[in-house]
């Protein structure tokens, strides 16, 4: 089978980079540094949502399904620095050449990963290949919006922008899935400032699991998976989570109705 890699990231403002770009004092507190960037962004766009190159990646959560089974894991703080985590993510693409699956990955996750990867000198040969190394990638690669090698579920389900993209949490819960758990995307920066890295990682992993389960349902919807195959793939993830001791997986399972 073609390996499947569902992923999600969480980020915080790159305070060191913001200090450098805006020539801010080295001893200015991170909260104040971030607020400078937020204010500049509000003036420019009306929103304090920072552009990809100013988003520091703190966790990349993944669900990997291949012939060997199913794995769920996270890369990033507190185990690895940003550059090392991004490098491992792209090394995984080099190794497995998977179909990658995201929710708004084209709009957020991938632009952040490639911008921050460029900052850190990351290499990502397979991701950028459009046919020079592997001729098959001329017709199906990670870059082209309309290729399945990167399946951005939010983009696809909106018919590539024909309608407004649906929120992951709402579509997951309507489908009988747990939806978002924990801190919530808007609270990640505050949680990070309070040292709650584990809670952010738990939140990201739950989002990734929801994305993977919606992908399985989408595969059944377009008849790539039979209902029996869909049920068996869901059972595989459920069985994996039942063996995990972390409290967020206990809650995830209790909310997983369908």
C-alpha atoms as a PDB file:
ATOM      1  CA  UNK A   1       0.000   0.000   0.000  1.00  0.00           C
ATOM      2  CA  UNK A   2       1.055   3.607  -0.482  1.00  0.00           C
ATOM      3  CA  UNK A   3       2.021   4.921   2.963  1.00  0.00           C
ATOM      4  CA  UNK A   4      -0.260   7.575   4.436  1.00  0.00           C
ATOM      5  CA  UNK A   5       1.151  10.370   6.616  1.00  0.00           C
ATOM      6  CA  UNK A   6      -1.442  12.607   8.274  1.00  0.00           C
ATOM      7  CA  UNK A   7       0.110  15.550  10.092  1.00  0.00           C
ATOM      8  CA  UNK A   8      -0.596  18.734  12.001  1.00  0.00           C
ATOM      9  CA  UNK A   9       1.610  21.439  13.507  1.00  0.00           C
ATOM     10  CA  UNK A  10       1.399  23.970  16.313  1.00  0.00           C
ATOM     11  CA  UNK A  11       3.384  27.193  16.336  1.00  0.00           C
ATOM     12  CA  UNK A  12       4.251  30.221  18.451  1.00  0.00           C
ATOM     13  CA  UNK A  13       5.711  33.596  17.463  1.00  0.00           C
ATOM     14  CA  UNK A  14       9.411  33.459  16.563  1.00  0.00           C
ATOM     15  CA  UNK A  15      10.447  36.007  19.172  1.00  0.00           C
ATOM     16  CA  UNK A  16      14.170  35.815  18.371  1.00  0.00           C
ATOM     17  CA  UNK A  17      13.432  36.446  14.712  1.00  0.00           C
ATOM     18  CA  UNK A  18      11.048  39.281  15.514  1.00  0.00           C
ATOM     19  CA  UNK A  19      13.736  40.947  17.659  1.00  0.00           C
ATOM     20  CA  UNK A  20      16.144  40.719  14.743  1.00  0.00           C
ATOM     21  CA  UNK A  21      13.722  42.022  12.104  1.00  0.00           C
ATOM     22  CA  UNK A  22      12.402  44.917  14.181  1.00  0.00           C
ATOM     23  CA  UNK A  23      15.657  45.704  16.039  1.00  0.00           C
ATOM     24  CA  UNK A  24      14.078  45.184  19.446  1.00  0.00           C
ATOM     25  CA  UNK A  25      16.095  45.094  22.702  1.00  0.00           C
ATOM     26  CA  UNK A  26      17.510  41.677  23.568  1.00  0.00           C
ATOM     27  CA  UNK A  27      16.112  41.867  27.100  1.00  0.00           C
ATOM     28  CA  UNK A  28      12.537  42.672  25.996  1.00  0.00           C
ATOM     29  CA  UNK A  29      10.231  39.924  27.310  1.00  0.00           C
ATOM     30  CA  UNK A  30       8.899  37.453  24.756  1.00  0.00           C
ATOM     31  CA  UNK A  31       5.308  38.472  25.441  1.00  0.00           C
ATOM     32  CA  UNK A  32       6.151  42.091  24.604  1.00  0.00           C
ATOM     33  CA  UNK A  33       8.135  41.059  21.532  1.00  0.00           C
ATOM     34  CA  UNK A  34       5.186  39.029  20.259  1.00  0.00           C
ATOM     35  CA  UNK A  35       2.808  41.922  20.933  1.00  0.00           C
ATOM     36  CA  UNK A  36       4.936  44.205  18.748  1.00  0.00           C
ATOM     37  CA  UNK A  37       4.551  41.698  15.889  1.00  0.00           C
ATOM     38  CA  UNK A  38       0.825  41.298  16.563  1.00  0.00           C
ATOM     39  CA  UNK A  39       0.279  45.063  16.472  1.00  0.00           C
ATOM     40  CA  UNK A  40       2.211  45.456  13.222  1.00  0.00           C
ATOM     41  CA  UNK A  41       0.177  42.631  11.704  1.00  0.00           C
ATOM     42  CA  UNK A  42      -3.126  44.140  12.876  1.00  0.00           C
ATOM     43  CA  UNK A  43      -2.196  47.438  11.253  1.00  0.00           C
ATOM     44  CA  UNK A  44      -1.369  45.688   7.991  1.00  0.00           C
ATOM     45  CA  UNK A  45      -4.167  43.107   7.775  1.00  0.00           C
ATOM     46  CA  UNK A  46      -6.642  43.701  10.602  1.00  0.00           C
ATOM     47  CA  UNK A  47      -5.631  40.376  12.169  1.00  0.00           C
ATOM     48  CA  UNK A  48      -2.812  39.472  14.539  1.00  0.00           C
ATOM     49  CA  UNK A  49      -2.205  36.140  12.751  1.00  0.00           C
ATOM     50  CA  UNK A  50       1.493  36.157  11.876  1.00  0.00           C
ATOM     51  CA  UNK A  51       2.865  35.215   8.434  1.00  0.00           C
ATOM     52  CA  UNK A  52       4.475  31.763   7.986  1.00  0.00           C
ATOM     53  CA  UNK A  53       8.092  32.884   8.373  1.00  0.00           C
ATOM     54  CA  UNK A  54       7.384  34.336  11.831  1.00  0.00           C
ATOM     55  CA  UNK A  55       5.662  31.172  13.107  1.00  0.00           C
ATOM     56  CA  UNK A  56       8.080  28.995  15.090  1.00  0.00           C
ATOM     57  CA  UNK A  57       7.152  25.307  14.948  1.00  0.00           C
ATOM     58  CA  UNK A  58       7.005  23.696  18.391  1.00  0.00           C
ATOM     59  CA  UNK A  59       5.361  20.377  17.532  1.00  0.00           C
ATOM     60  CA  UNK A  60       4.611  18.282  14.453  1.00  0.00           C
ATOM     61  CA  UNK A  61       2.185  15.434  15.156  1.00  0.00           C
ATOM     62  CA  UNK A  62       1.888  12.532  12.729  1.00  0.00           C
ATOM     63  CA  UNK A  63      -0.140   9.415  12.027  1.00  0.00           C
ATOM     64  CA  UNK A  64       1.766   7.046   9.743  1.00  0.00           C
ATOM     65  CA  UNK A  65      -0.024   4.104   8.098  1.00  0.00           C
ATOM     66  CA  UNK A  66       2.017   1.698   5.994  1.00  0.00           C
ATOM     67  CA  UNK A  67       2.439  -2.018   5.388  1.00  0.00           C
ATOM     68  CA  UNK A  68       3.987  -2.423   8.844  1.00  0.00           C
ATOM     69  CA  UNK A  69       0.955  -1.029  10.642  1.00  0.00           C
ATOM     70  CA  UNK A  70       0.044   2.268  12.275  1.00  0.00           C
ATOM     71  CA  UNK A  71       2.156   4.708  14.272  1.00  0.00           C
ATOM     72  CA  UNK A  72       1.245   7.934  16.059  1.00  0.00           C
ATOM     73  CA  UNK A  73       4.044  10.235  17.200  1.00  0.00           C
ATOM     74  CA  UNK A  74       5.152  13.836  17.613  1.00  0.00           C
ATOM     75  CA  UNK A  75       8.322  15.714  16.717  1.00  0.00           C
ATOM     76  CA  UNK A  76       9.561  18.900  18.372  1.00  0.00           C
ATOM     77  CA  UNK A  77       9.791  20.419  21.816  1.00  0.00           C
ATOM     78  CA  UNK A  78      10.791  19.308  24.399  1.00  0.00           C
ATOM     79  CA  UNK A  79      12.672  16.532  22.557  1.00  0.00           C
ATOM     80  CA  UNK A  80      14.099  18.414  19.587  1.00  0.00           C
ATOM     81  CA  UNK A  81      14.759  21.953  18.385  1.00  0.00           C
ATOM     82  CA  UNK A  82      12.662  23.408  15.587  1.00  0.00           C
ATOM     83  CA  UNK A  83      15.147  22.799  12.771  1.00  0.00           C
ATOM     84  CA  UNK A  84      15.764  19.195  13.806  1.00  0.00           C
ATOM     85  CA  UNK A  85      12.027  18.460  14.020  1.00  0.00           C
ATOM     86  CA  UNK A  86      11.350  19.914  10.572  1.00  0.00           C
ATOM     87  CA  UNK A  87      14.303  17.993   9.138  1.00  0.00           C
ATOM     88  CA  UNK A  88      12.956  14.724  10.563  1.00  0.00           C
ATOM     89  CA  UNK A  89       9.550  15.438   9.038  1.00  0.00           C
ATOM     90  CA  UNK A  90      11.008  15.888   5.565  1.00  0.00           C
ATOM     91  CA  UNK A  91      13.330  12.910   6.042  1.00  0.00           C
ATOM     92  CA  UNK A  92      10.199  10.856   6.682  1.00  0.00           C
ATOM     93  CA  UNK A  93       8.825  12.007   3.335  1.00  0.00           C
ATOM     94  CA  UNK A  94      12.139  11.088   1.686  1.00  0.00           C
ATOM     95  CA  UNK A  95      12.034   7.631   3.278  1.00  0.00           C
ATOM     96  CA  UNK A  96       8.380   6.630   2.869  1.00  0.00           C
ATOM     97  CA  UNK A  97       7.284   8.778  -0.113  1.00  0.00           C
ATOM     98  CA  UNK A  98       3.815   8.835   1.451  1.00  0.00           C
ATOM     99  CA  UNK A  99       0.577  10.467   0.524  1.00  0.00           C
ATOM    100  CA  UNK A 100       0.502  13.295   3.045  1.00  0.00           C
ATOM    101  CA  UNK A 101      -2.835  14.340   4.516  1.00  0.00           C
ATOM    102  CA  UNK A 102      -3.617  17.616   6.253  1.00  0.00           C
ATOM    103  CA  UNK A 103      -6.368  19.994   7.225  1.00  0.00           C
ATOM    104  CA  UNK A 104      -5.561  23.390   5.703  1.00  0.00           C
ATOM    105  CA  UNK A 105      -2.019  22.148   5.158  1.00  0.00           C
ATOM    106  CA  UNK A 106      -1.638  24.126   1.947  1.00  0.00           C
ATOM    107  CA  UNK A 107      -2.881  27.282   3.607  1.00  0.00           C
ATOM    108  CA  UNK A 108      -0.839  27.030   6.801  1.00  0.00           C
ATOM    109  CA  UNK A 109       1.175  23.956   7.824  1.00  0.00           C
ATOM    110  CA  UNK A 110       3.239  23.460   4.673  1.00  0.00           C
ATOM    111  CA  UNK A 111       4.010  27.182   4.091  1.00  0.00           C
ATOM    112  CA  UNK A 112       5.231  27.347   7.698  1.00  0.00           C
ATOM    113  CA  UNK A 113       7.316  24.163   7.406  1.00  0.00           C
ATOM    114  CA  UNK A 114       9.017  25.217   4.188  1.00  0.00           C
ATOM    115  CA  UNK A 115       9.618  28.819   5.343  1.00  0.00           C
ATOM    116  CA  UNK A 116      11.035  27.720   8.676  1.00  0.00           C
ATOM    117  CA  UNK A 117      12.900  24.872   6.996  1.00  0.00           C
ATOM    118  CA  UNK A 118      14.590  27.424   4.738  1.00  0.00           C
ATOM    119  CA  UNK A 119      15.586  29.472   7.802  1.00  0.00           C
ATOM    120  CA  UNK A 120      17.203  26.408   9.395  1.00  0.00           C
ATOM    121  CA  UNK A 121      18.887  25.033   6.268  1.00  0.00           C
ATOM    122  CA  UNK A 122      16.690  21.931   6.088  1.00  0.00           C
ATOM    123  CA  UNK A 123      16.947  19.601   3.072  1.00  0.00           C
ATOM    124  CA  UNK A 124      13.772  18.168   1.502  1.00  0.00           C
ATOM    125  CA  UNK A 125      14.584  16.625  -1.875  1.00  0.00           C
ATOM    126  CA  UNK A 126      11.532  14.385  -2.254  1.00  0.00           C
ATOM    127  CA  UNK A 127       9.072  17.072  -1.200  1.00  0.00           C
ATOM    128  CA  UNK A 128      10.286  19.524  -3.852  1.00  0.00           C
ATOM    129  CA  UNK A 129      10.665  16.997  -6.683  1.00  0.00           C
ATOM    130  CA  UNK A 130       8.372  17.764  -9.618  1.00  0.00           C
ATOM    131  CA  UNK A 131       9.830  15.187 -11.982  1.00  0.00           C
ATOM    132  CA  UNK A 132      13.543  15.939 -12.209  1.00  0.00           C
ATOM    133  CA  UNK A 133      14.528  12.979 -10.001  1.00  0.00           C
ATOM    134  CA  UNK A 134      11.420  10.792 -10.163  1.00  0.00           C
ATOM    135  CA  UNK A 135       9.545  11.012 -13.460  1.00  0.00           C
ATOM    136  CA  UNK A 136       6.304   9.895 -11.790  1.00  0.00           C
ATOM    137  CA  UNK A 137       6.367  13.147  -9.811  1.00  0.00           C
ATOM    138  CA  UNK A 138       5.803  15.081 -13.017  1.00  0.00           C
ATOM    139  CA  UNK A 139       2.197  13.935 -12.863  1.00  0.00           C
ATOM    140  CA  UNK A 140       1.742  13.646  -9.094  1.00  0.00           C
ATOM    141  CA  UNK A 141       3.834  15.667  -6.655  1.00  0.00           C
ATOM    142  CA  UNK A 142       3.574  17.425  -3.295  1.00  0.00           C
ATOM    143  CA  UNK A 143       3.529  20.927  -4.787  1.00  0.00           C
ATOM    144  CA  UNK A 144       0.609  20.893  -7.223  1.00  0.00           C
ATOM    145  CA  UNK A 145      -2.698  21.798  -5.584  1.00  0.00           C
ATOM    146  CA  UNK A 146      -4.696  19.292  -7.615  1.00  0.00           C
ATOM    147  CA  UNK A 147      -2.497  16.237  -7.008  1.00  0.00           C
ATOM    148  CA  UNK A 148      -3.390  13.688  -4.351  1.00  0.00           C
ATOM    149  CA  UNK A 149       0.187  13.246  -3.152  1.00  0.00           C
ATOM    150  CA  UNK A 150      -0.681  16.028  -0.716  1.00  0.00           C
ATOM    151  CA  UNK A 151      -4.368  15.769   0.149  1.00  0.00           C
ATOM    152  CA  UNK A 152      -5.470  18.893   1.991  1.00  0.00           C
ATOM    153  CA  UNK A 153      -8.867  17.708   3.152  1.00  0.00           C
ATOM    154  CA  UNK A 154     -10.202  21.169   3.925  1.00  0.00           C
ATOM    155  CA  UNK A 155      -9.263  22.383   0.458  1.00  0.00           C
ATOM    156  CA  UNK A 156     -10.647  19.307  -1.310  1.00  0.00           C
ATOM    157  CA  UNK A 157     -13.935  19.299   0.613  1.00  0.00           C
ATOM    158  CA  UNK A 158     -14.450  22.983  -0.222  1.00  0.00           C
ATOM    159  CA  UNK A 159     -14.091  21.925  -3.879  1.00  0.00           C
ATOM    160  CA  UNK A 160     -10.796  23.816  -4.076  1.00  0.00           C
ATOM    161  CA  UNK A 161     -12.181  27.089  -2.833  1.00  0.00           C
ATOM    162  CA  UNK A 162     -15.646  26.781  -4.341  1.00  0.00           C
ATOM    163  CA  UNK A 163     -17.054  27.170  -0.824  1.00  0.00           C
ATOM    164  CA  UNK A 164     -15.645  28.366   2.476  1.00  0.00           C
ATOM    165  CA  UNK A 165     -13.563  25.682   4.206  1.00  0.00           C
ATOM    166  CA  UNK A 166     -15.239  23.868   7.103  1.00  0.00           C
ATOM    167  CA  UNK A 167     -13.687  23.909  10.609  1.00  0.00           C
ATOM    168  CA  UNK A 168     -11.994  20.635  11.531  1.00  0.00           C
ATOM    169  CA  UNK A 169     -13.614  20.538  14.973  1.00  0.00           C
ATOM    170  CA  UNK A 170     -17.173  20.984  13.738  1.00  0.00           C
ATOM    171  CA  UNK A 171     -16.962  18.553  10.840  1.00  0.00           C
ATOM    172  CA  UNK A 172     -15.276  15.948  13.050  1.00  0.00           C
ATOM    173  CA  UNK A 173     -17.909  16.195  15.788  1.00  0.00           C
ATOM    174  CA  UNK A 174     -20.759  16.071  13.285  1.00  0.00           C
ATOM    175  CA  UNK A 175     -19.182  12.856  11.989  1.00  0.00           C
ATOM    176  CA  UNK A 176     -19.183  11.253  15.440  1.00  0.00           C
ATOM    177  CA  UNK A 177     -15.487  11.902  16.031  1.00  0.00           C
ATOM    178  CA  UNK A 178     -14.034  13.550  19.138  1.00  0.00           C
ATOM    179  CA  UNK A 179     -13.124  16.906  17.626  1.00  0.00           C
ATOM    180  CA  UNK A 180     -10.591  19.218  19.198  1.00  0.00           C
ATOM    181  CA  UNK A 181      -9.374  18.543  22.713  1.00  0.00           C
ATOM    182  CA  UNK A 182      -7.500  20.714  25.153  1.00  0.00           C
ATOM    183  CA  UNK A 183      -5.981  24.140  24.813  1.00  0.00           C
ATOM    184  CA  UNK A 184      -7.356  25.204  21.411  1.00  0.00           C
ATOM    185  CA  UNK A 185      -5.388  26.916  18.660  1.00  0.00           C
ATOM    186  CA  UNK A 186      -6.064  30.455  19.876  1.00  0.00           C
ATOM    187  CA  UNK A 187      -4.645  29.621  23.314  1.00  0.00           C
ATOM    188  CA  UNK A 188      -1.404  27.933  22.181  1.00  0.00           C
ATOM    189  CA  UNK A 189       0.761  31.032  22.690  1.00  0.00           C
ATOM    190  CA  UNK A 190      -0.582  31.655  26.197  1.00  0.00           C
ATOM    191  CA  UNK A 191      -0.164  27.970  27.058  1.00  0.00           C
ATOM    192  CA  UNK A 192       3.395  28.025  25.747  1.00  0.00           C
ATOM    193  CA  UNK A 193       4.229  31.100  27.828  1.00  0.00           C
ATOM    194  CA  UNK A 194       2.986  29.165  30.869  1.00  0.00           C
ATOM    195  CA  UNK A 195       5.272  26.224  30.038  1.00  0.00           C
ATOM    196  CA  UNK A 196       2.424  23.885  29.041  1.00  0.00           C
ATOM    197  CA  UNK A 197       4.262  22.190  26.178  1.00  0.00           C
ATOM    198  CA  UNK A 198       2.811  18.761  26.958  1.00  0.00           C
ATOM    199  CA  UNK A 199      -0.748  20.123  26.738  1.00  0.00           C
ATOM    200  CA  UNK A 200       0.016  21.694  23.354  1.00  0.00           C
ATOM    201  CA  UNK A 201       1.440  18.408  22.105  1.00  0.00           C
ATOM    202  CA  UNK A 202      -1.664  16.542  23.304  1.00  0.00           C
ATOM    203  CA  UNK A 203      -3.885  19.040  21.492  1.00  0.00           C
ATOM    204  CA  UNK A 204      -1.892  18.707  18.275  1.00  0.00           C
ATOM    205  CA  UNK A 205      -1.963  14.907  18.390  1.00  0.00           C
ATOM    206  CA  UNK A 206      -5.741  14.891  18.826  1.00  0.00           C
ATOM    207  CA  UNK A 207      -6.122  17.211  15.826  1.00  0.00           C
ATOM    208  CA  UNK A 208      -3.925  14.889  13.787  1.00  0.00           C
ATOM    209  CA  UNK A 209      -5.985  11.842  14.787  1.00  0.00           C
ATOM    210  CA  UNK A 210      -9.208  13.659  13.831  1.00  0.00           C
ATOM    211  CA  UNK A 211      -7.674  14.553  10.462  1.00  0.00           C
ATOM    212  CA  UNK A 212      -6.673  10.951   9.841  1.00  0.00           C
ATOM    213  CA  UNK A 213     -10.140   9.657  10.736  1.00  0.00           C
ATOM    214  CA  UNK A 214     -11.806  12.179   8.427  1.00  0.00           C
ATOM    215  CA  UNK A 215      -9.410  11.047   5.714  1.00  0.00           C
ATOM    216  CA  UNK A 216     -10.551   7.443   6.215  1.00  0.00           C
ATOM    217  CA  UNK A 217     -14.162   8.549   5.922  1.00  0.00           C
ATOM    218  CA  UNK A 218     -13.329  10.533   2.787  1.00  0.00           C
ATOM    219  CA  UNK A 219     -11.695   7.444   1.288  1.00  0.00           C
ATOM    220  CA  UNK A 220     -14.928   5.545   1.894  1.00  0.00           C
ATOM    221  CA  UNK A 221     -16.981   8.430   0.483  1.00  0.00           C
ATOM    222  CA  UNK A 222     -15.122   8.347  -2.811  1.00  0.00           C
ATOM    223  CA  UNK A 223     -15.178   4.520  -2.825  1.00  0.00           C
ATOM    224  CA  UNK A 224     -11.410   4.141  -2.509  1.00  0.00           C
ATOM    225  CA  UNK A 225     -12.170   2.145   0.673  1.00  0.00           C
ATOM    226  CA  UNK A 226     -15.066  -0.235   1.128  1.00  0.00           C
ATOM    227  CA  UNK A 227     -17.145   0.138   4.302  1.00  0.00           C
ATOM    228  CA  UNK A 228     -15.366  -2.976   5.590  1.00  0.00           C
ATOM    229  CA  UNK A 229     -11.935  -1.478   4.906  1.00  0.00           C
ATOM    230  CA  UNK A 230     -12.986   1.772   6.540  1.00  0.00           C
ATOM    231  CA  UNK A 231     -14.152  -0.084   9.655  1.00  0.00           C
ATOM    232  CA  UNK A 232     -10.949  -2.105   9.865  1.00  0.00           C
ATOM    233  CA  UNK A 233      -8.753   1.003   9.520  1.00  0.00           C
ATOM    234  CA  UNK A 234     -10.727   2.766  12.263  1.00  0.00           C
ATOM    235  CA  UNK A 235     -10.403  -0.324  14.457  1.00  0.00           C
ATOM    236  CA  UNK A 236      -6.647  -0.287  13.918  1.00  0.00           C
ATOM    237  CA  UNK A 237      -6.377   3.258  15.253  1.00  0.00           C
ATOM    238  CA  UNK A 238      -8.766   2.556  18.105  1.00  0.00           C
ATOM    239  CA  UNK A 239      -6.704  -0.469  19.101  1.00  0.00           C
ATOM    240  CA  UNK A 240      -3.524   1.593  19.064  1.00  0.00           C
ATOM    241  CA  UNK A 241      -5.042   4.323  21.230  1.00  0.00           C
ATOM    242  CA  UNK A 242      -6.444   1.823  23.712  1.00  0.00           C
ATOM    243  CA  UNK A 243      -2.854   0.802  24.464  1.00  0.00           C
ATOM    244  CA  UNK A 244      -1.720   4.358  25.093  1.00  0.00           C
ATOM    245  CA  UNK A 245      -1.709   5.511  28.733  1.00  0.00           C
ATOM    246  CA  UNK A 246      -1.954   9.266  28.175  1.00  0.00           C
ATOM    247  CA  UNK A 247      -5.134  10.928  29.571  1.00  0.00           C
ATOM    248  CA  UNK A 248      -5.918  12.797  26.347  1.00  0.00           C
ATOM    249  CA  UNK A 249      -6.299   9.479  24.520  1.00  0.00           C
ATOM    250  CA  UNK A 250      -8.660   8.222  27.215  1.00  0.00           C
ATOM    251  CA  UNK A 251     -10.806  11.303  26.625  1.00  0.00           C
ATOM    252  CA  UNK A 252     -10.473  10.964  22.849  1.00  0.00           C
ATOM    253  CA  UNK A 253     -11.756   7.390  22.962  1.00  0.00           C
ATOM    254  CA  UNK A 254     -14.652   8.312  25.245  1.00  0.00           C
ATOM    255  CA  UNK A 255     -15.820  10.908  22.698  1.00  0.00           C
ATOM    256  CA  UNK A 256     -15.334   8.749  19.616  1.00  0.00           C
ATOM    257  CA  UNK A 257     -18.882   7.632  18.837  1.00  0.00           C
ATOM    258  CA  UNK A 258     -18.676   6.593  15.216  1.00  0.00           C
END
